[in-house]
Protein backbone atom coordinates (compact mmCIF):
# COMPACT_ATOMS: atom_id res chain seq x y z
CA UNK A 1 -1.75 -2.42 16.19
CA UNK A 2 -4.35 0.25 15.50
CA UNK A 3 -6.77 -1.28 18.12
CA UNK A 4 -4.72 -0.29 20.79
CA UNK A 5 -6.03 3.25 20.44
CA UNK A 6 -9.12 2.24 21.85
CA UNK A 7 -9.16 1.91 25.87
CA UNK A 8 -12.74 2.27 26.99
CA UNK A 9 -14.11 -1.11 27.93
CA UNK A 10 -17.32 -2.87 28.80
CA UNK A 11 -18.63 -6.43 29.58
CA UNK A 12 -18.81 -8.99 26.57
CA UNK A 13 -22.02 -10.67 27.21
CA UNK A 14 -23.82 -10.24 23.77
CA UNK A 15 -24.23 -12.26 20.67
CA UNK A 16 -22.52 -10.53 17.88
CA UNK A 17 -24.04 -9.76 14.45
CA UNK A 18 -22.21 -11.46 11.78
CA UNK A 19 -23.24 -10.14 8.24
CA UNK A 20 -22.00 -12.46 5.69
CA UNK A 21 -20.86 -14.76 8.37
CA UNK A 22 -17.82 -12.34 9.21
CA UNK A 23 -16.78 -12.32 12.74
CA UNK A 24 -13.50 -12.13 14.93
CA UNK A 25 -11.47 -14.95 13.99
CA UNK A 26 -12.81 -15.73 10.51
CA UNK A 27 -11.10 -14.47 7.34
CA UNK A 28 -12.15 -13.09 3.87
CA UNK A 29 -10.51 -13.26 0.64
CA UNK A 30 -10.74 -10.81 -1.88
CA UNK A 31 -10.67 -10.73 -5.80
CA UNK A 32 -9.35 -7.17 -6.57
CA UNK A 33 -8.26 -7.51 -10.10
CA UNK A 34 -10.23 -4.59 -11.41
CA UNK A 35 -8.39 -2.56 -8.79
CA UNK A 36 -4.98 -3.75 -9.33
CA UNK A 37 -5.26 -2.87 -13.03
CA UNK A 38 -5.46 0.86 -11.91
CA UNK A 39 -3.41 0.46 -8.55
CA UNK A 40 -0.85 3.14 -9.92
CA UNK A 41 -3.42 5.70 -9.57
CA UNK A 42 -4.40 4.69 -5.96
CA UNK A 43 -3.43 6.55 -2.92
CA UNK A 44 -3.01 3.44 -1.04
CA UNK A 45 -1.69 -0.12 -1.22
CA UNK A 46 -4.30 -2.68 -1.90
CA UNK A 47 -4.58 -5.58 0.91
CA UNK A 48 -2.94 -8.72 -0.17
CA UNK A 49 -3.88 -12.33 0.56
CA UNK A 50 -6.22 -13.62 3.00
CA UNK A 51 -7.48 -11.09 5.59
CA UNK A 52 -7.98 -12.39 8.92
CA UNK A 53 -10.48 -10.49 11.09
CA UNK A 54 -8.85 -9.58 14.49
CA UNK A 55 -11.75 -7.44 15.68
CA UNK A 56 -15.32 -6.21 15.03
CA UNK A 57 -17.04 -3.24 15.71
CA UNK A 58 -20.82 -2.37 15.60
CA UNK A 59 -22.50 0.86 15.25
CA UNK A 60 -26.23 1.67 15.69
CA UNK A 61 -27.24 4.43 13.47
CA UNK A 62 -30.99 4.64 14.26
CA UNK A 63 -34.11 3.83 12.30
CA UNK A 64 -32.79 0.15 11.86
CA UNK A 65 -29.62 1.22 10.02
CA UNK A 66 -26.50 -0.21 11.27
CA UNK A 67 -22.55 -0.32 10.28
CA UNK A 68 -20.59 -3.49 10.76
CA UNK A 69 -16.74 -3.06 10.78
CA UNK A 70 -14.21 -5.97 10.67
CA UNK A 71 -10.83 -5.12 11.42
CA UNK A 72 -7.82 -6.88 9.72
CA UNK A 73 -4.51 -7.89 10.87
CA UNK A 74 -3.11 -5.70 8.04
CA UNK A 75 -4.49 -2.37 9.45
CA UNK A 76 -7.67 -2.23 7.28
CA UNK A 77 -11.32 -2.88 7.79
CA UNK A 78 -14.23 -3.98 5.91
CA UNK A 79 -17.26 -2.00 6.37
CA UNK A 80 -20.74 -3.22 5.79
CA UNK A 81 -23.78 -0.87 6.02
CA UNK A 82 -27.16 -2.53 6.72
CA UNK A 83 -30.89 -1.60 7.21
CA UNK A 84 -33.50 -3.56 8.78
CA UNK A 85 -31.36 -6.54 9.75
CA UNK A 86 -27.93 -8.05 9.14
CA UNK A 87 -29.08 -10.67 6.51
CA UNK A 88 -27.63 -10.46 2.83
CA UNK A 89 -30.52 -8.80 1.28
CA UNK A 90 -30.33 -6.22 4.15
CA UNK A 91 -26.75 -5.02 3.16
CA UNK A 92 -26.79 -1.39 1.43
CA UNK A 93 -23.20 -1.02 0.98
CA UNK A 94 -19.60 -2.81 1.25
CA UNK A 95 -16.54 -0.77 1.38
CA UNK A 96 -12.97 -1.81 2.24
CA UNK A 97 -10.69 0.88 3.96
CA UNK A 98 -6.91 1.09 4.76
CA UNK A 99 -5.51 3.10 7.57
CA UNK A 100 -3.42 5.63 5.72
CA UNK A 101 -2.60 8.23 8.48
CA UNK A 102 -3.05 8.63 12.35
CA UNK A 103 -2.34 11.60 14.40
CA UNK A 104 -2.52 11.39 18.33
CA UNK A 105 -4.16 14.50 19.62
CA UNK A 106 -2.93 15.77 22.70
CA UNK A 107 -4.49 19.45 23.12
CA UNK A 108 -7.41 21.19 22.55
CA UNK A 109 -5.93 23.13 19.54
CA UNK A 110 -5.10 19.85 17.91
CA UNK A 111 -8.85 18.70 18.41
CA UNK A 112 -9.93 22.11 16.95
CA UNK A 113 -7.87 21.51 13.78
CA UNK A 114 -10.14 18.59 12.89
CA UNK A 115 -13.46 19.63 14.24
CA UNK A 116 -14.39 23.40 14.71
CA UNK A 117 -16.00 26.04 12.50
CA UNK A 118 -12.71 25.84 10.29
CA UNK A 119 -11.80 22.10 11.06
CA UNK A 120 -10.82 19.75 8.46
CA UNK A 121 -13.54 17.12 9.06
CA UNK A 122 -16.85 18.41 7.36
CA UNK A 123 -15.17 20.84 4.92
CA UNK A 124 -16.28 20.80 1.31
CA UNK A 125 -13.12 19.36 0.12
CA UNK A 126 -10.25 17.41 1.83
CA UNK A 127 -6.57 17.63 0.69
CA UNK A 128 -4.33 14.63 1.11
CA UNK A 129 -0.89 14.96 -0.37
CA UNK A 130 -1.45 15.80 -4.19
CA UNK A 131 -5.27 14.45 -4.20
CA UNK A 132 -8.18 16.43 -3.73
CA UNK A 133 -11.44 14.55 -2.32
CA UNK A 134 -14.91 16.00 -2.36
CA UNK A 135 -17.35 15.46 0.28
CA UNK A 136 -20.01 12.73 -0.27
CA UNK A 137 -22.21 13.66 2.30
CA UNK A 138 -24.62 16.76 1.75
CA UNK A 139 -22.35 17.43 -1.05
CA UNK A 140 -24.67 20.04 -2.47
CA UNK A 141 -24.33 22.00 0.74
CA UNK A 142 -21.86 25.03 0.13
CA UNK A 143 -18.98 25.20 2.81
CA UNK A 144 -18.51 23.33 6.06
CA UNK A 145 -21.16 20.96 7.49
CA UNK A 146 -21.00 19.16 11.07
CA UNK A 147 -19.23 15.80 11.06
CA UNK A 148 -21.42 12.73 11.52
CA UNK A 149 -21.25 11.51 15.18
CA UNK A 150 -21.63 7.76 16.27
CA UNK A 151 -20.52 5.37 19.04
CA UNK A 152 -18.75 2.23 17.92
CA UNK A 153 -18.57 -0.84 20.31
CA UNK A 154 -15.39 -3.02 19.46
CA UNK A 155 -14.92 -6.76 20.17
CA UNK A 156 -11.41 -8.33 19.85
CA UNK A 157 -10.65 -11.66 18.69
CA UNK A 158 -8.75 -12.02 21.64
CA UNK A 159 -11.09 -12.99 24.51
CA UNK A 160 -9.07 -11.70 27.09
CA UNK A 161 -9.57 -8.07 25.74
CA UNK A 162 -13.03 -6.87 26.88
CA UNK A 163 -15.22 -4.88 24.50
CA UNK A 164 -14.71 -1.16 24.49
CA UNK A 165 -16.61 1.84 23.01
CA UNK A 166 -15.09 4.51 20.60
CA UNK A 167 -16.85 7.80 19.87
CA UNK A 168 -16.41 8.99 16.23
CA UNK A 169 -16.90 12.43 14.45
CA UNK A 170 -16.76 11.39 10.85
CA UNK A 171 -16.96 12.74 7.13
CA UNK A 172 -16.77 10.82 3.95
CA UNK A 173 -15.28 12.00 0.69
CA UNK A 174 -14.47 10.86 -2.80
CA UNK A 175 -12.36 11.48 -5.84
CA UNK A 176 -12.80 9.92 -9.26
CA UNK A 177 -10.05 7.68 -10.64
CA UNK A 178 -8.75 8.79 -14.01
CA UNK A 179 -9.71 7.07 -17.13
CA UNK A 180 -11.97 4.67 -14.93
CA UNK A 181 -15.57 4.68 -13.75
CA UNK A 182 -14.27 4.03 -10.14
CA UNK A 183 -13.93 6.18 -7.17
CA UNK A 184 -11.68 6.23 -4.06
CA UNK A 185 -12.83 7.08 -0.92
CA UNK A 186 -11.34 9.12 1.91
CA UNK A 187 -12.90 8.73 5.55
CA UNK A 188 -11.76 11.31 8.03
CA UNK A 189 -12.48 10.57 11.60
CA UNK A 190 -11.78 12.12 15.02
CA UNK A 191 -11.88 9.12 17.64
CA UNK A 192 -12.20 9.53 21.23
CA UNK A 193 -11.15 6.62 23.46
CA UNK A 194 -11.64 8.66 26.82
CA UNK A 195 -12.23 12.35 27.84
CA UNK A 196 -8.52 12.94 27.65
CA UNK A 197 -7.34 10.84 24.33
CA UNK A 198 -8.24 11.58 20.76
CA UNK A 199 -6.92 10.31 17.52
CA UNK A 200 -7.35 11.88 14.04
CA UNK A 201 -7.40 8.90 11.48
CA UNK A 202 -7.66 9.29 7.73
CA UNK A 203 -8.60 6.07 5.76
CA UNK A 204 -8.49 5.35 1.95
CA UNK A 205 -10.83 2.80 0.58
CA UNK A 206 -13.04 1.56 -2.21
CA UNK A 207 -16.39 -0.27 -3.04
CA UNK A 208 -16.51 -3.99 -2.95
CA UNK A 209 -19.40 -6.40 -4.25
CA UNK A 210 -20.40 -9.70 -2.93
CA UNK A 211 -18.84 -11.36 -6.08
CA UNK A 212 -15.43 -10.11 -5.00
CA UNK A 213 -15.63 -11.71 -1.57
CA UNK A 214 -15.12 -15.11 -0.27
CA UNK A 215 -15.62 -15.89 3.35
CA UNK A 216 -13.34 -18.37 5.01
């Protein structure tokens, strides 16, 4: 499982946020009919059936902004962006991502391939197979920009697993889906679970709205 990347642990003695009442052990059923109609044009397989939440990760972005990530047993995650609280009215954005590629990094040269003056994360464009994605954040800035950095605290559904921190260097990209008003997102991240371990992760995803979700 992808959660095995993350090794740095801490005590679990806090009450977890639960936007939309999502939490480890809960589940969500997605109505993805509009996406299934264009599935042949997507670079990933859409999630099938009810998605059980195996772990939840939380990021404090500062100034009242937060990210909540709910990791599923099918190696995807639901990401909810909020500002000013975790109530439904504070939700700014909902996306679902599917883990597409993972690369274990064992050297400084491997890290530099992803984050450096010529690194993949932060460049104006990101090429994945035959698809070209354009940077979403600071898209008007020419050339490469610095990745966004944040620390995520992850809580497992398995109570025997203590919470752990993951440091991320991240950039978001997108590409339009032909003959459609929809876009496909690419999230590129270099994730550090310790001073000696790093994993480059590429995830593909799409926008969700509240009407397409049923929390169980």
